[in-house]
Amino acid sequence: MAKFVVALVAVHGLGRRETRYLLLTDLDRARGRPGVHRVLRHTAYLDEVTLALASDWLRDRHQRWPLTTNPYLLVSRQTVADDRLPPSPPWSSTPSTDPSV
């Protein structure tokens, strides 16, 4: 998930709030377009690398939590069972210590 988030933020310019509030339905992999929640609806078009990272994340998400009904694109162990709020991401306040990101 970390690489996917980095791509959304660094390559496509999404902010922390926009990234947190992305829904599964916002990601249109067939067209490569996630809808971004802004005051004025804006569509960020994903490149091949980001689409591959999104596919990897969705596959991993489904393998970890196949029965979740959480509508948010990004979930964590703490938020997967609670679909009322988006995840409070670890990347939002501290830099990653993972050298693979």
PDB file of N, CA and C in Angstrom:
ATOM      1  N   MET A   1       0.817  -1.191   0.000  1.00  0.00           N
ATOM      2  CA  MET A   1       0.000   0.000   0.000  1.00  0.00           C
ATOM      3  C   MET A   1       0.861   1.255   0.000  1.00  0.00           C
ATOM      4  N   ALA A   2       1.996   1.231   0.674  1.00  0.00           N
ATOM      5  CA  ALA A   2       2.824   2.427   0.814  1.00  0.00           C
ATOM      6  C   ALA A   2       3.267   2.975  -0.541  1.00  0.00           C
ATOM      7  N   LYS A   3       3.694   2.099  -1.441  1.00  0.00           N
ATOM      8  CA  LYS A   3       4.145   2.557  -2.757  1.00  0.00           C
ATOM      9  C   LYS A   3       2.992   3.175  -3.543  1.00  0.00           C
ATOM     10  N   PHE A   4       1.811   2.607  -3.420  1.00  0.00           N
ATOM     11  CA  PHE A   4       0.621   3.135  -4.095  1.00  0.00           C
ATOM     12  C   PHE A   4       0.305   4.533  -3.566  1.00  0.00           C
ATOM     13  N   VAL A   5       0.374   4.711  -2.253  1.00  0.00           N
ATOM     14  CA  VAL A   5       0.099   6.014  -1.653  1.00  0.00           C
ATOM     15  C   VAL A   5       1.140   7.035  -2.107  1.00  0.00           C
ATOM     16  N   VAL A   6       2.406   6.640  -2.137  1.00  0.00           N
ATOM     17  CA  VAL A   6       3.460   7.546  -2.603  1.00  0.00           C
ATOM     18  C   VAL A   6       3.177   7.985  -4.037  1.00  0.00           C
ATOM     19  N   ALA A   7       2.767   7.064  -4.868  1.00  0.00           N
ATOM     20  CA  ALA A   7       2.448   7.414  -6.258  1.00  0.00           C
ATOM     21  C   ALA A   7       1.274   8.382  -6.332  1.00  0.00           C
ATOM     22  N   LEU A   8       0.243   8.154  -5.533  1.00  0.00           N
ATOM     23  CA  LEU A   8      -0.911   9.058  -5.544  1.00  0.00           C
ATOM     24  C   LEU A   8      -0.521  10.470  -5.105  1.00  0.00           C
ATOM     25  N   VAL A   9       0.322  10.542  -4.086  1.00  0.00           N
ATOM     26  CA  VAL A   9       0.703  11.842  -3.541  1.00  0.00           C
ATOM     27  C   VAL A   9       1.784  12.516  -4.383  1.00  0.00           C
ATOM     28  N   ALA A  10       2.883  11.810  -4.627  1.00  0.00           N
ATOM     29  CA  ALA A  10       4.034  12.422  -5.297  1.00  0.00           C
ATOM     30  C   ALA A  10       3.839  12.606  -6.800  1.00  0.00           C
ATOM     31  N   VAL A  11       3.244  11.632  -7.446  1.00  0.00           N
ATOM     32  CA  VAL A  11       3.106  11.699  -8.904  1.00  0.00           C
ATOM     33  C   VAL A  11       1.835  12.437  -9.313  1.00  0.00           C
ATOM     34  N   HIS A  12       0.742  12.183  -8.585  1.00  0.00           N
ATOM     35  CA  HIS A  12      -0.550  12.721  -9.009  1.00  0.00           C
ATOM     36  C   HIS A  12      -1.040  13.892  -8.170  1.00  0.00           C
ATOM     37  N   GLY A  13      -0.284  14.261  -7.147  1.00  0.00           N
ATOM     38  CA  GLY A  13      -0.584  15.472  -6.393  1.00  0.00           C
ATOM     39  C   GLY A  13      -1.765  15.414  -5.454  1.00  0.00           C
ATOM     40  N   LEU A  14      -2.175  14.230  -5.040  1.00  0.00           N
ATOM     41  CA  LEU A  14      -3.269  14.140  -4.092  1.00  0.00           C
ATOM     42  C   LEU A  14      -2.765  14.525  -2.701  1.00  0.00           C
ATOM     43  N   GLY A  15      -3.621  15.144  -1.940  1.00  0.00           N
ATOM     44  CA  GLY A  15      -3.283  15.513  -0.569  1.00  0.00           C
ATOM     45  C   GLY A  15      -3.639  14.396   0.396  1.00  0.00           C
ATOM     46  N   ARG A  16      -3.257  14.594   1.664  1.00  0.00           N
ATOM     47  CA  ARG A  16      -3.547  13.575   2.686  1.00  0.00           C
ATOM     48  C   ARG A  16      -5.039  13.300   2.799  1.00  0.00           C
ATOM     49  N   ARG A  17      -5.832  14.358   2.868  1.00  0.00           N
ATOM     50  CA  ARG A  17      -7.280  14.175   3.032  1.00  0.00           C
ATOM     51  C   ARG A  17      -7.884  13.492   1.809  1.00  0.00           C
ATOM     52  N   GLU A  18      -7.479  13.937   0.627  1.00  0.00           N
ATOM     53  CA  GLU A  18      -8.009  13.343  -0.602  1.00  0.00           C
ATOM     54  C   GLU A  18      -7.664  11.863  -0.685  1.00  0.00           C
ATOM     55  N   THR A  19      -6.447  11.531  -0.307  1.00  0.00           N
ATOM     56  CA  THR A  19      -6.009  10.138  -0.355  1.00  0.00           C
ATOM     57  C   THR A  19      -6.806   9.298   0.628  1.00  0.00           C
ATOM     58  N   ARG A  20      -6.998   9.797   1.835  1.00  0.00           N
ATOM     59  CA  ARG A  20      -7.741   9.057   2.865  1.00  0.00           C
ATOM     60  C   ARG A  20      -9.184   8.783   2.464  1.00  0.00           C
ATOM     61  N   TYR A  21      -9.812   9.737   1.790  1.00  0.00           N
ATOM     62  CA  TYR A  21     -11.238   9.625   1.496  1.00  0.00           C
ATOM     63  C   TYR A  21     -11.562   8.983   0.146  1.00  0.00           C
ATOM     64  N   LEU A  22     -10.561   8.476  -0.559  1.00  0.00           N
ATOM     65  CA  LEU A  22     -10.845   7.768  -1.811  1.00  0.00           C
ATOM     66  C   LEU A  22     -11.650   6.509  -1.517  1.00  0.00           C
ATOM     67  N   LEU A  23     -12.661   6.290  -2.310  1.00  0.00           N
ATOM     68  CA  LEU A  23     -13.503   5.106  -2.173  1.00  0.00           C
ATOM     69  C   LEU A  23     -13.096   4.072  -3.227  1.00  0.00           C
ATOM     70  N   LEU A  24     -13.445   2.835  -2.979  1.00  0.00           N
ATOM     71  CA  LEU A  24     -13.193   1.785  -3.973  1.00  0.00           C
ATOM     72  C   LEU A  24     -13.844   2.138  -5.306  1.00  0.00           C
ATOM     73  N   THR A  25     -15.018   2.727  -5.243  1.00  0.00           N
ATOM     74  CA  THR A  25     -15.746   3.079  -6.466  1.00  0.00           C
ATOM     75  C   THR A  25     -15.102   4.244  -7.214  1.00  0.00           C
ATOM     76  N   ASP A  26     -14.197   4.988  -6.557  1.00  0.00           N
ATOM     77  CA  ASP A  26     -13.515   6.093  -7.221  1.00  0.00           C
ATOM     78  C   ASP A  26     -12.439   5.610  -8.184  1.00  0.00           C
ATOM     79  N   LEU A  27     -11.979   4.402  -7.998  1.00  0.00           N
ATOM     80  CA  LEU A  27     -10.900   3.875  -8.839  1.00  0.00           C
ATOM     81  C   LEU A  27     -11.497   3.150 -10.036  1.00  0.00           C
ATOM     82  N   ASP A  28     -11.342   3.741 -11.196  1.00  0.00           N
ATOM     83  CA  ASP A  28     -11.833   3.150 -12.434  1.00  0.00           C
ATOM     84  C   ASP A  28     -10.626   2.602 -13.172  1.00  0.00           C
ATOM     85  N   ARG A  29     -10.267   1.346 -12.857  1.00  0.00           N
ATOM     86  CA  ARG A  29      -9.055   0.763 -13.444  1.00  0.00           C
ATOM     87  C   ARG A  29      -9.167   0.581 -14.947  1.00  0.00           C
ATOM     88  N   ALA A  30     -10.358   0.386 -15.453  1.00  0.00           N
ATOM     89  CA  ALA A  30     -10.519   0.202 -16.898  1.00  0.00           C
ATOM     90  C   ALA A  30     -10.096   1.462 -17.649  1.00  0.00           C
ATOM     91  N   ARG A  31     -10.378   2.616 -17.082  1.00  0.00           N
ATOM     92  CA  ARG A  31     -10.014   3.883 -17.709  1.00  0.00           C
ATOM     93  C   ARG A  31      -8.779   4.519 -17.077  1.00  0.00           C
ATOM     94  N   GLY A  32      -8.359   3.982 -15.928  1.00  0.00           N
ATOM     95  CA  GLY A  32      -7.206   4.541 -15.252  1.00  0.00           C
ATOM     96  C   GLY A  32      -7.485   5.880 -14.613  1.00  0.00           C
ATOM     97  N   ARG A  33      -8.686   6.033 -14.063  1.00  0.00           N
ATOM     98  CA  ARG A  33      -9.078   7.321 -13.514  1.00  0.00           C
ATOM     99  C   ARG A  33      -9.653   7.191 -12.102  1.00  0.00           C
ATOM    100  N   PRO A  34      -8.905   7.596 -11.087  1.00  0.00           N
ATOM    101  CA  PRO A  34      -9.561   7.678  -9.794  1.00  0.00           C
ATOM    102  C   PRO A  34     -10.191   9.059  -9.676  1.00  0.00           C
ATOM    103  N   GLY A  35     -11.397   9.136  -9.167  1.00  0.00           N
ATOM    104  CA  GLY A  35     -12.013  10.426  -8.909  1.00  0.00           C
ATOM    105  C   GLY A  35     -11.469  10.948  -7.588  1.00  0.00           C
ATOM    106  N   VAL A  36     -11.138  12.210  -7.550  1.00  0.00           N
ATOM    107  CA  VAL A  36     -10.572  12.810  -6.351  1.00  0.00           C
ATOM    108  C   VAL A  36     -11.597  13.760  -5.765  1.00  0.00           C
ATOM    109  N   HIS A  37     -11.877  13.605  -4.463  1.00  0.00           N
ATOM    110  CA  HIS A  37     -12.862  14.463  -3.801  1.00  0.00           C
ATOM    111  C   HIS A  37     -12.265  15.832  -3.496  1.00  0.00           C
ATOM    112  N   ARG A  38     -12.650  16.806  -4.269  1.00  0.00           N
ATOM    113  CA  ARG A  38     -12.249  18.193  -4.044  1.00  0.00           C
ATOM    114  C   ARG A  38     -13.503  19.037  -4.122  1.00  0.00           C
ATOM    115  N   VAL A  39     -13.354  20.317  -3.823  1.00  0.00           N
ATOM    116  CA  VAL A  39     -14.511  21.208  -3.891  1.00  0.00           C
ATOM    117  C   VAL A  39     -15.122  21.124  -5.288  1.00  0.00           C
ATOM    118  N   LEU A  40     -14.286  21.206  -6.294  1.00  0.00           N
ATOM    119  CA  LEU A  40     -14.725  20.976  -7.670  1.00  0.00           C
ATOM    120  C   LEU A  40     -14.206  19.609  -8.067  1.00  0.00           C
ATOM    121  N   ARG A  41     -15.070  18.763  -8.554  1.00  0.00           N
ATOM    122  CA  ARG A  41     -14.678  17.395  -8.924  1.00  0.00           C
ATOM    123  C   ARG A  41     -13.514  17.449  -9.910  1.00  0.00           C
ATOM    124  N   HIS A  42     -12.479  16.724  -9.612  1.00  0.00           N
ATOM    125  CA  HIS A  42     -11.278  16.689 -10.437  1.00  0.00           C
ATOM    126  C   HIS A  42     -10.927  15.230 -10.667  1.00  0.00           C
ATOM    127  N   THR A  43     -10.522  14.920 -11.862  1.00  0.00           N
ATOM    128  CA  THR A  43     -10.119  13.556 -12.160  1.00  0.00           C
ATOM    129  C   THR A  43      -8.622  13.527 -12.413  1.00  0.00           C
ATOM    130  N   ALA A  44      -7.925  12.689 -11.650  1.00  0.00           N
ATOM    131  CA  ALA A  44      -6.491  12.484 -11.870  1.00  0.00           C
ATOM    132  C   ALA A  44      -6.335  11.211 -12.682  1.00  0.00           C
ATOM    133  N   TYR A  45      -5.658  11.307 -13.800  1.00  0.00           N
ATOM    134  CA  TYR A  45      -5.473  10.145 -14.658  1.00  0.00           C
ATOM    135  C   TYR A  45      -4.215   9.401 -14.245  1.00  0.00           C
ATOM    136  N   LEU A  46      -4.337   8.113 -13.996  1.00  0.00           N
ATOM    137  CA  LEU A  46      -3.211   7.323 -13.512  1.00  0.00           C
ATOM    138  C   LEU A  46      -2.352   6.796 -14.653  1.00  0.00           C
ATOM    139  N   ASP A  47      -1.055   6.774 -14.396  1.00  0.00           N
ATOM    140  CA  ASP A  47      -0.116   6.202 -15.349  1.00  0.00           C
ATOM    141  C   ASP A  47      -0.043   4.686 -15.138  1.00  0.00           C
ATOM    142  N   GLU A  48       0.701   3.995 -15.995  1.00  0.00           N
ATOM    143  CA  GLU A  48       0.794   2.527 -15.921  1.00  0.00           C
ATOM    144  C   GLU A  48       1.363   2.034 -14.600  1.00  0.00           C
ATOM    145  N   VAL A  49       2.376   2.706 -14.092  1.00  0.00           N
ATOM    146  CA  VAL A  49       3.010   2.283 -12.838  1.00  0.00           C
ATOM    147  C   VAL A  49       2.023   2.391 -11.684  1.00  0.00           C
ATOM    148  N   THR A  50       1.313   3.517 -11.593  1.00  0.00           N
ATOM    149  CA  THR A  50       0.348   3.699 -10.507  1.00  0.00           C
ATOM    150  C   THR A  50      -0.800   2.712 -10.632  1.00  0.00           C
ATOM    151  N   LEU A  51      -1.226   2.440 -11.861  1.00  0.00           N
ATOM    152  CA  LEU A  51      -2.283   1.438 -12.056  1.00  0.00           C
ATOM    153  C   LEU A  51      -1.820   0.061 -11.594  1.00  0.00           C
ATOM    154  N   ALA A  52      -0.573  -0.286 -11.873  1.00  0.00           N
ATOM    155  CA  ALA A  52      -0.034  -1.577 -11.419  1.00  0.00           C
ATOM    156  C   ALA A  52       0.021  -1.617  -9.894  1.00  0.00           C
ATOM    157  N   LEU A  53       0.435  -0.509  -9.279  1.00  0.00           N
ATOM    158  CA  LEU A  53       0.467  -0.445  -7.813  1.00  0.00           C
ATOM    159  C   LEU A  53      -0.940  -0.547  -7.235  1.00  0.00           C
ATOM    160  N   ALA A  54      -1.906   0.072  -7.886  1.00  0.00           N
ATOM    161  CA  ALA A  54      -3.297  -0.016  -7.433  1.00  0.00           C
ATOM    162  C   ALA A  54      -3.794  -1.457  -7.521  1.00  0.00           C
ATOM    163  N   SER A  55      -3.481  -2.123  -8.613  1.00  0.00           N
ATOM    164  CA  SER A  55      -3.891  -3.523  -8.768  1.00  0.00           C
ATOM    165  C   SER A  55      -3.252  -4.405  -7.708  1.00  0.00           C
ATOM    166  N   ASP A  56      -1.961  -4.163  -7.442  1.00  0.00           N
ATOM    167  CA  ASP A  56      -1.277  -4.931  -6.389  1.00  0.00           C
ATOM    168  C   ASP A  56      -1.938  -4.707  -5.041  1.00  0.00           C
ATOM    169  N   TRP A  57      -2.259  -3.436  -4.740  1.00  0.00           N
ATOM    170  CA  TRP A  57      -2.894  -3.125  -3.458  1.00  0.00           C
ATOM    171  C   TRP A  57      -4.275  -3.779  -3.354  1.00  0.00           C
ATOM    172  N   LEU A  58      -5.060  -3.709  -4.396  1.00  0.00           N
ATOM    173  CA  LEU A  58      -6.401  -4.297  -4.355  1.00  0.00           C
ATOM    174  C   LEU A  58      -6.341  -5.815  -4.187  1.00  0.00           C
ATOM    175  N   ARG A  59      -5.390  -6.441  -4.829  1.00  0.00           N
ATOM    176  CA  ARG A  59      -5.200  -7.887  -4.672  1.00  0.00           C
ATOM    177  C   ARG A  59      -4.798  -8.213  -3.227  1.00  0.00           C
ATOM    178  N   ASP A  60      -3.858  -7.453  -2.689  1.00  0.00           N
ATOM    179  CA  ASP A  60      -3.406  -7.649  -1.306  1.00  0.00           C
ATOM    180  C   ASP A  60      -4.543  -7.386  -0.321  1.00  0.00           C
ATOM    181  N   ARG A  61      -5.305  -6.328  -0.562  1.00  0.00           N
ATOM    182  CA  ARG A  61      -6.443  -5.975   0.302  1.00  0.00           C
ATOM    183  C   ARG A  61      -7.461  -7.114   0.335  1.00  0.00           C
ATOM    184  N   HIS A  62      -7.751  -7.659  -0.832  1.00  0.00           N
ATOM    185  CA  HIS A  62      -8.732  -8.741  -0.908  1.00  0.00           C
ATOM    186  C   HIS A  62      -8.214 -10.025  -0.244  1.00  0.00           C
ATOM    187  N   GLN A  63      -6.930 -10.313  -0.402  1.00  0.00           N
ATOM    188  CA  GLN A  63      -6.359 -11.505   0.240  1.00  0.00           C
ATOM    189  C   GLN A  63      -6.365 -11.387   1.758  1.00  0.00           C
ATOM    190  N   ARG A  64      -6.072 -10.208   2.263  1.00  0.00           N
ATOM    191  CA  ARG A  64      -6.044  -9.996   3.716  1.00  0.00           C
ATOM    192  C   ARG A  64      -7.438  -9.967   4.330  1.00  0.00           C
ATOM    193  N   TRP A  65      -8.358  -9.257   3.664  1.00  0.00           N
ATOM    194  CA  TRP A  65      -9.689  -9.045   4.217  1.00  0.00           C
ATOM    195  C   TRP A  65     -10.762  -9.314   3.161  1.00  0.00           C
ATOM    196  N   PRO A  66     -10.961 -10.571   2.795  1.00  0.00           N
ATOM    197  CA  PRO A  66     -11.896 -10.879   1.698  1.00  0.00           C
ATOM    198  C   PRO A  66     -13.354 -10.545   2.005  1.00  0.00           C
ATOM    199  N   LEU A  67     -13.726 -10.463   3.260  1.00  0.00           N
ATOM    200  CA  LEU A  67     -15.128 -10.231   3.604  1.00  0.00           C
ATOM    201  C   LEU A  67     -15.434  -8.803   4.037  1.00  0.00           C
ATOM    202  N   THR A  68     -14.448  -7.912   3.969  1.00  0.00           N
ATOM    203  CA  THR A  68     -14.699  -6.547   4.436  1.00  0.00           C
ATOM    204  C   THR A  68     -15.700  -5.827   3.544  1.00  0.00           C
ATOM    205  N   THR A  69     -16.488  -4.976   4.168  1.00  0.00           N
ATOM    206  CA  THR A  69     -17.430  -4.134   3.426  1.00  0.00           C
ATOM    207  C   THR A  69     -17.003  -2.673   3.495  1.00  0.00           C
ATOM    208  N   ASN A  70     -15.806  -2.416   4.004  1.00  0.00           N
ATOM    209  CA  ASN A  70     -15.308  -1.055   4.121  1.00  0.00           C
ATOM    210  C   ASN A  70     -15.195  -0.455   2.721  1.00  0.00           C
ATOM    211  N   PRO A  71     -15.853   0.688   2.479  1.00  0.00           N
ATOM    212  CA  PRO A  71     -15.887   1.268   1.135  1.00  0.00           C
ATOM    213  C   PRO A  71     -14.644   2.062   0.748  1.00  0.00           C
ATOM    214  N   TYR A  72     -13.747   2.294   1.705  1.00  0.00           N
ATOM    215  CA  TYR A  72     -12.570   3.116   1.415  1.00  0.00           C
ATOM    216  C   TYR A  72     -11.496   2.319   0.703  1.00  0.00           C
ATOM    217  N   LEU A  73     -10.829   2.962  -0.240  1.00  0.00           N
ATOM    218  CA  LEU A  73      -9.788   2.309  -1.024  1.00  0.00           C
ATOM    219  C   LEU A  73      -8.628   1.869  -0.138  1.00  0.00           C
ATOM    220  N   LEU A  74      -8.235   2.713   0.794  1.00  0.00           N
ATOM    221  CA  LEU A  74      -7.127   2.415   1.685  1.00  0.00           C
ATOM    222  C   LEU A  74      -7.666   2.056   3.059  1.00  0.00           C
ATOM    223  N   VAL A  75      -7.322   0.883   3.520  1.00  0.00           N
ATOM    224  CA  VAL A  75      -7.736   0.425   4.848  1.00  0.00           C
ATOM    225  C   VAL A  75      -6.522  -0.149   5.572  1.00  0.00           C
ATOM    226  N   SER A  76      -6.685  -0.312   6.867  1.00  0.00           N
ATOM    227  CA  SER A  76      -5.619  -0.899   7.680  1.00  0.00           C
ATOM    228  C   SER A  76      -6.241  -1.931   8.609  1.00  0.00           C
ATOM    229  N   ARG A  77      -5.414  -2.607   9.371  1.00  0.00           N
ATOM    230  CA  ARG A  77      -5.940  -3.589  10.324  1.00  0.00           C
ATOM    231  C   ARG A  77      -6.910  -2.947  11.304  1.00  0.00           C
ATOM    232  N   GLN A  78      -6.648  -1.703  11.667  1.00  0.00           N
ATOM    233  CA  GLN A  78      -7.492  -1.017  12.632  1.00  0.00           C
ATOM    234  C   GLN A  78      -8.812  -0.535  12.030  1.00  0.00           C
ATOM    235  N   THR A  79      -8.839  -0.278  10.750  1.00  0.00           N
ATOM    236  CA  THR A  79     -10.032   0.329  10.155  1.00  0.00           C
ATOM    237  C   THR A  79     -10.828  -0.588   9.238  1.00  0.00           C
ATOM    238  N   VAL A  80     -10.305  -1.746   8.932  1.00  0.00           N
ATOM    239  CA  VAL A  80     -10.956  -2.603   7.949  1.00  0.00           C
ATOM    240  C   VAL A  80     -12.373  -3.016   8.375  1.00  0.00           C
ATOM    241  N   ALA A  81     -12.604  -3.176   9.654  1.00  0.00           N
ATOM    242  CA  ALA A  81     -13.917  -3.622  10.128  1.00  0.00           C
ATOM    243  C   ALA A  81     -14.881  -2.466  10.371  1.00  0.00           C
ATOM    244  N   ASP A  82     -14.383  -1.233  10.403  1.00  0.00           N
ATOM    245  CA  ASP A  82     -15.228  -0.069  10.677  1.00  0.00           C
ATOM    246  C   ASP A  82     -15.370   0.750   9.410  1.00  0.00           C
ATOM    247  N   ASP A  83     -16.541   0.671   8.775  1.00  0.00           N
ATOM    248  CA  ASP A  83     -16.717   1.369   7.505  1.00  0.00           C
ATOM    249  C   ASP A  83     -17.268   2.783   7.648  1.00  0.00           C
ATOM    250  N   ARG A  84     -17.313   3.304   8.876  1.00  0.00           N
ATOM    251  CA  ARG A  84     -17.844   4.653   9.081  1.00  0.00           C
ATOM    252  C   ARG A  84     -16.838   5.745   8.750  1.00  0.00           C
ATOM    253  N   LEU A  85     -15.567   5.472   8.970  1.00  0.00           N
ATOM    254  CA  LEU A  85     -14.536   6.478   8.754  1.00  0.00           C
ATOM    255  C   LEU A  85     -13.397   5.902   7.934  1.00  0.00           C
ATOM    256  N   PRO A  86     -12.710   6.766   7.192  1.00  0.00           N
ATOM    257  CA  PRO A  86     -11.534   6.291   6.453  1.00  0.00           C
ATOM    258  C   PRO A  86     -10.394   6.021   7.418  1.00  0.00           C
ATOM    259  N   PRO A  87      -9.369   5.335   6.956  1.00  0.00           N
ATOM    260  CA  PRO A  87      -8.254   5.043   7.843  1.00  0.00           C
ATOM    261  C   PRO A  87      -7.506   6.309   8.241  1.00  0.00           C
ATOM    262  N   SER A  88      -6.927   6.271   9.407  1.00  0.00           N
ATOM    263  CA  SER A  88      -6.034   7.330   9.845  1.00  0.00           C
ATOM    264  C   SER A  88      -4.642   6.835   9.506  1.00  0.00           C
ATOM    265  N   PRO A  89      -4.121   7.265   8.376  1.00  0.00           N
ATOM    266  CA  PRO A  89      -2.914   6.646   7.844  1.00  0.00           C
ATOM    267  C   PRO A  89      -1.646   7.005   8.598  1.00  0.00           C
ATOM    268  N   PRO A  90      -0.742   6.044   8.697  1.00  0.00           N
ATOM    269  CA  PRO A  90       0.532   6.317   9.343  1.00  0.00           C
ATOM    270  C   PRO A  90       1.387   7.281   8.539  1.00  0.00           C
ATOM    271  N   TRP A  91       1.140   7.407   7.234  1.00  0.00           N
ATOM    272  CA  TRP A  91       1.933   8.291   6.394  1.00  0.00           C
ATOM    273  C   TRP A  91       1.510   9.743   6.529  1.00  0.00           C
ATOM    274  N   SER A  92       0.425  10.020   7.263  1.00  0.00           N
ATOM    275  CA  SER A  92      -0.092  11.384   7.301  1.00  0.00           C
ATOM    276  C   SER A  92       0.716  12.318   8.189  1.00  0.00           C
ATOM    277  N   SER A  93       1.424  11.799   9.183  1.00  0.00           N
ATOM    278  CA  SER A  93       2.126  12.705  10.071  1.00  0.00           C
ATOM    279  C   SER A  93       3.614  12.409  10.229  1.00  0.00           C
ATOM    280  N   THR A  94       4.033  11.214   9.867  1.00  0.00           N
ATOM    281  CA  THR A  94       5.451  10.889  10.022  1.00  0.00           C
ATOM    282  C   THR A  94       5.986  10.311   8.732  1.00  0.00           C
ATOM    283  N   PRO A  95       7.232  10.603   8.413  1.00  0.00           N
ATOM    284  CA  PRO A  95       7.814  10.030   7.193  1.00  0.00           C
ATOM    285  C   PRO A  95       8.018   8.528   7.335  1.00  0.00           C
ATOM    286  N   SER A  96       7.992   7.849   6.234  1.00  0.00           N
ATOM    287  CA  SER A  96       8.165   6.407   6.225  1.00  0.00           C
ATOM    288  C   SER A  96       9.610   6.044   6.541  1.00  0.00           C
ATOM    289  N   THR A  97       9.774   4.981   7.301  1.00  0.00           N
ATOM    290  CA  THR A  97      11.121   4.463   7.571  1.00  0.00           C
ATOM    291  C   THR A  97      11.395   3.235   6.717  1.00  0.00           C
ATOM    292  N   ASP A  98      10.451   2.906   5.875  1.00  0.00           N
ATOM    293  CA  ASP A  98      10.580   1.743   5.001  1.00  0.00           C
ATOM    294  C   ASP A  98      11.427   2.131   3.791  1.00  0.00           C
ATOM    295  N   PRO A  99      12.642   1.587   3.636  1.00  0.00           N
ATOM    296  CA  PRO A  99      13.491   1.976   2.505  1.00  0.00           C
ATOM    297  C   PRO A  99      12.959   1.510   1.152  1.00  0.00           C
ATOM    298  N   SER A 100      11.982   0.621   1.126  1.00  0.00           N
ATOM    299  CA  SER A 100      11.462   0.131  -0.156  1.00  0.00           C
ATOM    300  C   SER A 100      10.417   1.049  -0.737  1.00  0.00           C
ATOM    301  N   VAL A 101      10.022   2.094  -0.004  1.00  0.00           N
ATOM    302  CA  VAL A 101       8.988   3.003  -0.492  1.00  0.00           C
ATOM    303  C   VAL A 101       9.575   3.980  -1.462  1.00  0.00           C
TER     304      VAL A 101
END
